[in-house]
Amino acid sequence: MRRLMKFLHTMGAIGLMGAMASLVVMLGVVPPPSSALTGYALMRGAMAAVATWVFLPSLALMLVAGLLAIALTRAFQNAGWAWVKLATGVLMFEYGFVGVQGPMQAEAERAAQAVLGRADPATLAGSLGAERGTLWVLLAIATLNVALGVWRPRILRRPQAAGEGASQRVGTGSAPR
């Protein structure tokens, strides 16, 4: 079960970071709505689709698999790095909704309305910088989480009860530290 949770957590992280990298690239090449409204609307629609169908499910998979891994693996419950990953994962989930998913869907809808003549194109593209910044911060946090999972530093280590020892340790297969 532990290997399954690790696999699912890793697959979620791969999808999440790939989606964020794709969104950063798309934000960099989106045409200005003042000169190419239809192109802008198409790009924003594509970005909303990536946020909805890749970013969000990957984020959910990563978080749920990580939570289950902590719940099922006693050694993770005593590992500070796992709790730091949990805290940053919950923050990523919240900011994924507030800073990525919501704004991308809202802007895609506004752009589609502007193409149809139901909204003012001058109100578009106001959130590009904020979205780009949010994605870079989330990418940095995701990279930190990968580093924590790979190197598993001894931070915030809770004391082990008598009888718990090396047999409860979960590592990368290397000798105990």
C-alpha atoms as a PDB file:
ATOM      1  CA  MET A   1       0.000   0.000   0.000  1.00  0.00           C
ATOM      2  CA  ARG A   2       2.903   2.317   0.784  1.00  0.00           C
ATOM      3  CA  ARG A   3       4.332   1.903  -2.716  1.00  0.00           C
ATOM      4  CA  LEU A   4       0.938   2.603  -4.288  1.00  0.00           C
ATOM      5  CA  MET A   5       0.595   5.830  -2.293  1.00  0.00           C
ATOM      6  CA  LYS A   6       4.132   6.843  -3.254  1.00  0.00           C
ATOM      7  CA  PHE A   7       3.394   6.124  -6.912  1.00  0.00           C
ATOM      8  CA  LEU A   8       0.123   8.105  -6.863  1.00  0.00           C
ATOM      9  CA  HIS A   9       1.751  10.982  -4.969  1.00  0.00           C
ATOM     10  CA  THR A  10       4.595  11.102  -7.479  1.00  0.00           C
ATOM     11  CA  MET A  11       2.236  10.950 -10.477  1.00  0.00           C
ATOM     12  CA  GLY A  12       0.209  13.807  -8.976  1.00  0.00           C
ATOM     13  CA  ALA A  13       3.363  15.878  -8.480  1.00  0.00           C
ATOM     14  CA  ILE A  14       4.472  15.241 -12.065  1.00  0.00           C
ATOM     15  CA  GLY A  15       1.109  16.331 -13.442  1.00  0.00           C
ATOM     16  CA  LEU A  16       0.927  19.332 -11.138  1.00  0.00           C
ATOM     17  CA  MET A  17       4.363  20.687 -11.977  1.00  0.00           C
ATOM     18  CA  GLY A  18       3.851  19.997 -15.682  1.00  0.00           C
ATOM     19  CA  ALA A  19       0.544  21.858 -15.635  1.00  0.00           C
ATOM     20  CA  MET A  20       2.101  24.806 -13.814  1.00  0.00           C
ATOM     21  CA  ALA A  21       5.032  24.950 -16.232  1.00  0.00           C
ATOM     22  CA  SER A  22       2.609  24.826 -19.178  1.00  0.00           C
ATOM     23  CA  LEU A  23       0.520  27.630 -17.697  1.00  0.00           C
ATOM     24  CA  VAL A  24       3.610  29.803 -17.144  1.00  0.00           C
ATOM     25  CA  VAL A  25       4.584  29.306 -20.805  1.00  0.00           C
ATOM     26  CA  MET A  26       1.062  30.087 -22.014  1.00  0.00           C
ATOM     27  CA  LEU A  27       0.941  33.226 -19.877  1.00  0.00           C
ATOM     28  CA  GLY A  28       4.159  34.309 -21.547  1.00  0.00           C
ATOM     29  CA  VAL A  29       2.849  33.940 -25.097  1.00  0.00           C
ATOM     30  CA  VAL A  30      -0.776  35.019 -24.740  1.00  0.00           C
ATOM     31  CA  PRO A  31      -1.460  37.854 -27.209  1.00  0.00           C
ATOM     32  CA  PRO A  32      -2.743  41.166 -25.881  1.00  0.00           C
ATOM     33  CA  PRO A  33      -6.534  41.377 -26.064  1.00  0.00           C
ATOM     34  CA  SER A  34      -6.333  44.866 -27.555  1.00  0.00           C
ATOM     35  CA  SER A  35      -4.792  43.560 -30.792  1.00  0.00           C
ATOM     36  CA  ALA A  36      -5.910  39.901 -30.957  1.00  0.00           C
ATOM     37  CA  LEU A  37      -9.070  39.433 -28.921  1.00  0.00           C
ATOM     38  CA  THR A  38     -10.000  36.086 -30.482  1.00  0.00           C
ATOM     39  CA  GLY A  39      -6.483  34.709 -29.974  1.00  0.00           C
ATOM     40  CA  TYR A  40      -6.478  35.973 -26.395  1.00  0.00           C
ATOM     41  CA  ALA A  41      -9.842  34.305 -25.729  1.00  0.00           C
ATOM     42  CA  LEU A  42      -8.646  31.004 -27.245  1.00  0.00           C
ATOM     43  CA  MET A  43      -5.469  31.029 -25.130  1.00  0.00           C
ATOM     44  CA  ARG A  44      -7.393  31.846 -21.971  1.00  0.00           C
ATOM     45  CA  GLY A  45      -9.829  29.035 -22.749  1.00  0.00           C
ATOM     46  CA  ALA A  46      -6.921  26.625 -23.184  1.00  0.00           C
ATOM     47  CA  MET A  47      -5.380  27.816 -19.917  1.00  0.00           C
ATOM     48  CA  ALA A  48      -8.690  27.320 -18.096  1.00  0.00           C
ATOM     49  CA  ALA A  49      -8.885  23.799 -19.535  1.00  0.00           C
ATOM     50  CA  VAL A  50      -5.346  22.952 -18.333  1.00  0.00           C
ATOM     51  CA  ALA A  51      -6.171  24.382 -14.898  1.00  0.00           C
ATOM     52  CA  THR A  52      -9.407  22.398 -14.711  1.00  0.00           C
ATOM     53  CA  TRP A  53      -8.429  19.056 -16.238  1.00  0.00           C
ATOM     54  CA  VAL A  54      -4.716  18.708 -15.377  1.00  0.00           C
ATOM     55  CA  PHE A  55      -3.702  21.139 -12.625  1.00  0.00           C
ATOM     56  CA  LEU A  56      -6.592  20.588 -10.215  1.00  0.00           C
ATOM     57  CA  PRO A  57      -6.874  16.767 -10.470  1.00  0.00           C
ATOM     58  CA  SER A  58      -3.092  16.423 -10.145  1.00  0.00           C
ATOM     59  CA  LEU A  59      -3.086  18.676  -7.096  1.00  0.00           C
ATOM     60  CA  ALA A  60      -5.912  16.671  -5.513  1.00  0.00           C
ATOM     61  CA  LEU A  61      -4.221  13.337  -6.281  1.00  0.00           C
ATOM     62  CA  MET A  62      -0.924  14.541  -4.857  1.00  0.00           C
ATOM     63  CA  LEU A  63      -2.524  15.824  -1.647  1.00  0.00           C
ATOM     64  CA  VAL A  64      -4.810  12.843  -1.019  1.00  0.00           C
ATOM     65  CA  ALA A  65      -2.060  10.292  -1.713  1.00  0.00           C
ATOM     66  CA  GLY A  66       0.299  12.220   0.567  1.00  0.00           C
ATOM     67  CA  LEU A  67      -2.284  12.320   3.358  1.00  0.00           C
ATOM     68  CA  LEU A  68      -2.949   8.602   3.004  1.00  0.00           C
ATOM     69  CA  ALA A  69       0.780   7.856   2.981  1.00  0.00           C
ATOM     70  CA  ILE A  70       1.194   9.705   6.274  1.00  0.00           C
ATOM     71  CA  ALA A  71      -1.849   7.959   7.759  1.00  0.00           C
ATOM     72  CA  LEU A  72      -0.686   4.492   6.662  1.00  0.00           C
ATOM     73  CA  THR A  73       3.050   4.798   7.415  1.00  0.00           C
ATOM     74  CA  ARG A  74       3.970   5.141  11.074  1.00  0.00           C
ATOM     75  CA  ALA A  75       7.472   6.382  10.283  1.00  0.00           C
ATOM     76  CA  PHE A  76       6.024   9.295   8.284  1.00  0.00           C
ATOM     77  CA  GLN A  77       3.961  10.270  11.315  1.00  0.00           C
ATOM     78  CA  ASN A  78       7.199  10.828  13.230  1.00  0.00           C
ATOM     79  CA  ALA A  79       9.075  12.555  10.381  1.00  0.00           C
ATOM     80  CA  GLY A  80       9.189  16.340  10.410  1.00  0.00           C
ATOM     81  CA  TRP A  81       9.778  16.562   6.668  1.00  0.00           C
ATOM     82  CA  ALA A  82       6.473  14.753   6.050  1.00  0.00           C
ATOM     83  CA  TRP A  83       4.576  17.269   8.185  1.00  0.00           C
ATOM     84  CA  VAL A  84       6.237  20.193   6.391  1.00  0.00           C
ATOM     85  CA  LYS A  85       5.193  18.623   3.065  1.00  0.00           C
ATOM     86  CA  LEU A  86       1.656  18.222   4.406  1.00  0.00           C
ATOM     87  CA  ALA A  87       1.455  21.874   5.471  1.00  0.00           C
ATOM     88  CA  THR A  88       2.802  23.184   2.177  1.00  0.00           C
ATOM     89  CA  GLY A  89       0.573  20.778   0.253  1.00  0.00           C
ATOM     90  CA  VAL A  90      -2.537  22.138   1.962  1.00  0.00           C
ATOM     91  CA  LEU A  91      -1.362  25.697   1.209  1.00  0.00           C
ATOM     92  CA  MET A  92      -0.815  24.740  -2.430  1.00  0.00           C
ATOM     93  CA  PHE A  93      -4.311  23.285  -2.609  1.00  0.00           C
ATOM     94  CA  GLU A  94      -5.865  26.473  -1.258  1.00  0.00           C
ATOM     95  CA  TYR A  95      -3.817  28.799  -3.454  1.00  0.00           C
ATOM     96  CA  GLY A  96      -4.415  26.506  -6.406  1.00  0.00           C
ATOM     97  CA  PHE A  97      -8.101  27.295  -6.122  1.00  0.00           C
ATOM     98  CA  VAL A  98      -7.769  30.964  -5.189  1.00  0.00           C
ATOM     99  CA  GLY A  99      -4.788  31.989  -7.293  1.00  0.00           C
ATOM    100  CA  VAL A 100      -4.886  29.692 -10.316  1.00  0.00           C
ATOM    101  CA  GLN A 101      -8.139  27.825 -10.912  1.00  0.00           C
ATOM    102  CA  GLY A 102     -10.564  30.652 -10.111  1.00  0.00           C
ATOM    103  CA  PRO A 103      -8.810  33.474 -11.954  1.00  0.00           C
ATOM    104  CA  MET A 104      -8.131  31.351 -15.035  1.00  0.00           C
ATOM    105  CA  GLN A 105     -11.757  30.260 -15.356  1.00  0.00           C
ATOM    106  CA  ALA A 106     -13.068  33.769 -14.694  1.00  0.00           C
ATOM    107  CA  GLU A 107     -10.732  35.367 -17.238  1.00  0.00           C
ATOM    108  CA  ALA A 108     -11.597  32.735 -19.858  1.00  0.00           C
ATOM    109  CA  GLU A 109     -15.279  33.500 -19.355  1.00  0.00           C
ATOM    110  CA  ARG A 110     -14.698  37.288 -19.554  1.00  0.00           C
ATOM    111  CA  ALA A 111     -12.649  36.847 -22.732  1.00  0.00           C
ATOM    112  CA  ALA A 112     -15.366  34.701 -24.329  1.00  0.00           C
ATOM    113  CA  GLN A 113     -17.957  37.330 -23.405  1.00  0.00           C
ATOM    114  CA  ALA A 114     -15.755  40.066 -24.916  1.00  0.00           C
ATOM    115  CA  VAL A 115     -15.486  38.144 -28.203  1.00  0.00           C
ATOM    116  CA  LEU A 116     -19.280  37.964 -28.290  1.00  0.00           C
ATOM    117  CA  GLY A 117     -19.502  41.717 -27.646  1.00  0.00           C
ATOM    118  CA  ARG A 118     -21.044  41.284 -24.188  1.00  0.00           C
ATOM    119  CA  ALA A 119     -18.055  42.576 -22.196  1.00  0.00           C
ATOM    120  CA  ASP A 120     -15.502  45.346 -22.538  1.00  0.00           C
ATOM    121  CA  PRO A 121     -12.142  44.034 -23.847  1.00  0.00           C
ATOM    122  CA  ALA A 122     -10.383  46.806 -21.902  1.00  0.00           C
ATOM    123  CA  THR A 123     -11.114  44.903 -18.673  1.00  0.00           C
ATOM    124  CA  LEU A 124      -9.096  41.874 -19.817  1.00  0.00           C
ATOM    125  CA  ALA A 125      -5.489  40.868 -19.088  1.00  0.00           C
ATOM    126  CA  GLY A 126      -5.405  42.616 -15.730  1.00  0.00           C
ATOM    127  CA  SER A 127      -4.475  39.471 -13.820  1.00  0.00           C
ATOM    128  CA  LEU A 128      -1.641  38.143 -16.000  1.00  0.00           C
ATOM    129  CA  GLY A 129       1.138  39.317 -13.694  1.00  0.00           C
ATOM    130  CA  ALA A 130      -0.563  38.044 -10.556  1.00  0.00           C
ATOM    131  CA  GLU A 131      -1.276  34.660 -12.125  1.00  0.00           C
ATOM    132  CA  ARG A 132       2.318  34.338 -13.329  1.00  0.00           C
ATOM    133  CA  GLY A 133       3.620  35.254  -9.876  1.00  0.00           C
ATOM    134  CA  THR A 134       1.313  32.779  -8.164  1.00  0.00           C
ATOM    135  CA  LEU A 135       2.416  29.992 -10.489  1.00  0.00           C
ATOM    136  CA  TRP A 136       6.111  30.712  -9.880  1.00  0.00           C
ATOM    137  CA  VAL A 137       5.564  30.658  -6.106  1.00  0.00           C
ATOM    138  CA  LEU A 138       3.631  27.385  -6.355  1.00  0.00           C
ATOM    139  CA  LEU A 139       6.364  25.905  -8.558  1.00  0.00           C
ATOM    140  CA  ALA A 140       8.961  26.874  -5.948  1.00  0.00           C
ATOM    141  CA  ILE A 141       6.897  25.255  -3.165  1.00  0.00           C
ATOM    142  CA  ALA A 142       6.392  22.126  -5.272  1.00  0.00           C
ATOM    143  CA  THR A 143      10.148  21.953  -5.893  1.00  0.00           C
ATOM    144  CA  LEU A 144      10.771  22.301  -2.150  1.00  0.00           C
ATOM    145  CA  ASN A 145       8.335  19.438  -1.546  1.00  0.00           C
ATOM    146  CA  VAL A 146      10.171  17.241  -4.034  1.00  0.00           C
ATOM    147  CA  ALA A 147      13.470  18.055  -2.324  1.00  0.00           C
ATOM    148  CA  LEU A 148      11.974  17.212   1.083  1.00  0.00           C
ATOM    149  CA  GLY A 149      10.693  13.884  -0.235  1.00  0.00           C
ATOM    150  CA  VAL A 150      14.012  12.971  -1.824  1.00  0.00           C
ATOM    151  CA  TRP A 151      16.440  14.050   0.895  1.00  0.00           C
ATOM    152  CA  ARG A 152      14.136  13.674   3.926  1.00  0.00           C
ATOM    153  CA  PRO A 153      16.019  15.993   6.276  1.00  0.00           C
ATOM    154  CA  ARG A 154      15.655  15.513  10.016  1.00  0.00           C
ATOM    155  CA  ILE A 155      13.505  18.472  10.938  1.00  0.00           C
ATOM    156  CA  LEU A 156      10.907  18.826  13.637  1.00  0.00           C
ATOM    157  CA  ARG A 157      11.504  15.228  14.590  1.00  0.00           C
ATOM    158  CA  ARG A 158       9.125  13.936  17.234  1.00  0.00           C
ATOM    159  CA  PRO A 159      10.655  11.696  19.889  1.00  0.00           C
ATOM    160  CA  GLN A 160      10.097   7.998  19.331  1.00  0.00           C
ATOM    161  CA  ALA A 161       8.517   5.868  22.021  1.00  0.00           C
ATOM    162  CA  ALA A 162      10.486   3.048  23.620  1.00  0.00           C
ATOM    163  CA  GLY A 163      10.617   0.054  21.329  1.00  0.00           C
ATOM    164  CA  GLU A 164      10.365   2.076  18.122  1.00  0.00           C
ATOM    165  CA  GLY A 165      13.606   2.126  16.289  1.00  0.00           C
ATOM    166  CA  ALA A 166      15.247   1.507  13.000  1.00  0.00           C
ATOM    167  CA  SER A 167      12.556  -0.968  11.976  1.00  0.00           C
ATOM    168  CA  GLN A 168      10.076   1.922  11.746  1.00  0.00           C
ATOM    169  CA  ARG A 169      12.369   4.076   9.649  1.00  0.00           C
ATOM    170  CA  VAL A 170      11.336   4.690   6.057  1.00  0.00           C
ATOM    171  CA  GLY A 171      14.087   5.857   3.787  1.00  0.00           C
ATOM    172  CA  THR A 172      15.503   5.563   0.358  1.00  0.00           C
ATOM    173  CA  GLY A 173      17.188   2.240   0.957  1.00  0.00           C
ATOM    174  CA  SER A 174      20.411   3.742   2.216  1.00  0.00           C
ATOM    175  CA  ALA A 175      21.968   3.071   5.581  1.00  0.00           C
ATOM    176  CA  PRO A 176      20.347   4.687   8.642  1.00  0.00           C
ATOM    177  CA  ARG A 177      21.464   8.201   9.354  1.00  0.00           C
END
